[in-house]
Amino acid sequence: MWKPTRLLALCLAAALLIAAAVWGAARLLHDPVDDCLDAGGSWNYDVEDCSFTENYETPR
């Protein structure tokens, strides 16, 4: 009875570790500027905000 419980705990720990790695990778790859521009907005780099009514120029 001890081995199935240990195996279940090991599988649960591995699943949690994989889920945390996938979540962390998704957070690292998320780019709010790209998401804003893809949606048709304009990104204000000074205040780091997306606007769909104003057109901001890209800093050079």
Protein backbone atom coordinates (compact mmCIF):
# COMPACT_ATOMS: atom_id res chain seq x y z
CA MET A 1 0.00 0.00 0.00
CA TRP A 2 2.96 2.29 0.53
CA LYS A 3 4.32 2.17 -3.05
CA PRO A 4 1.10 3.26 -4.85
CA THR A 5 0.81 6.28 -2.54
CA ARG A 6 4.43 7.20 -3.18
CA LEU A 7 3.96 6.81 -6.95
CA LEU A 8 0.83 8.96 -6.86
CA ALA A 9 2.66 11.68 -4.92
CA LEU A 10 5.57 11.56 -7.37
CA CYS A 11 3.22 11.86 -10.38
CA LEU A 12 1.38 14.76 -8.76
CA ALA A 13 4.65 16.56 -8.03
CA ALA A 14 5.83 16.02 -11.61
CA ALA A 15 2.52 17.33 -13.01
CA LEU A 16 2.74 20.44 -10.83
CA LEU A 17 6.34 21.04 -11.90
CA ILE A 18 5.42 20.74 -15.59
CA ALA A 19 2.42 23.05 -15.15
CA ALA A 20 4.59 25.64 -13.40
CA ALA A 21 7.20 25.46 -16.18
CA VAL A 22 4.58 25.96 -18.90
CA TRP A 23 2.99 28.87 -17.02
CA GLY A 24 6.40 30.49 -16.47
CA ALA A 25 7.37 30.14 -20.12
CA ALA A 26 4.08 31.71 -21.21
CA ARG A 27 4.68 34.66 -18.86
CA LEU A 28 8.18 35.20 -20.26
CA LEU A 29 6.98 35.16 -23.86
CA HIS A 30 4.04 37.54 -23.30
CA ASP A 31 4.69 40.94 -24.92
CA PRO A 32 2.05 43.62 -24.23
CA VAL A 33 3.40 45.92 -26.97
CA ASP A 34 3.05 43.21 -29.59
CA ASP A 35 -0.41 42.27 -28.35
CA CYS A 36 -1.51 45.91 -28.55
CA LEU A 37 -0.19 46.43 -32.07
CA ASP A 38 -1.64 43.12 -33.28
CA ALA A 39 -5.06 44.21 -32.01
CA GLY A 40 -4.84 47.45 -34.03
CA GLY A 41 -3.90 49.76 -31.17
CA SER A 42 -1.10 52.24 -30.71
CA TRP A 43 1.43 51.80 -27.90
CA ASN A 44 2.47 54.82 -25.82
CA TYR A 45 6.03 54.03 -24.72
CA ASP A 46 6.16 56.90 -22.21
CA VAL A 47 3.33 55.60 -20.03
CA GLU A 48 3.40 51.98 -21.29
CA ASP A 49 -0.26 51.93 -22.28
CA CYS A 50 -2.25 50.80 -25.30
CA SER A 51 -4.73 53.15 -26.94
CA PHE A 52 -7.23 52.51 -29.68
CA THR A 53 -8.17 56.20 -30.07
CA GLU A 54 -4.77 57.94 -30.16
CA ASN A 55 -1.93 57.37 -32.60
CA TYR A 56 1.50 57.49 -31.00
CA GLU A 57 4.74 57.56 -32.97
CA THR A 58 7.39 54.94 -32.42
CA PRO A 59 10.49 56.31 -30.64
CA ARG A 60 13.63 56.24 -32.74
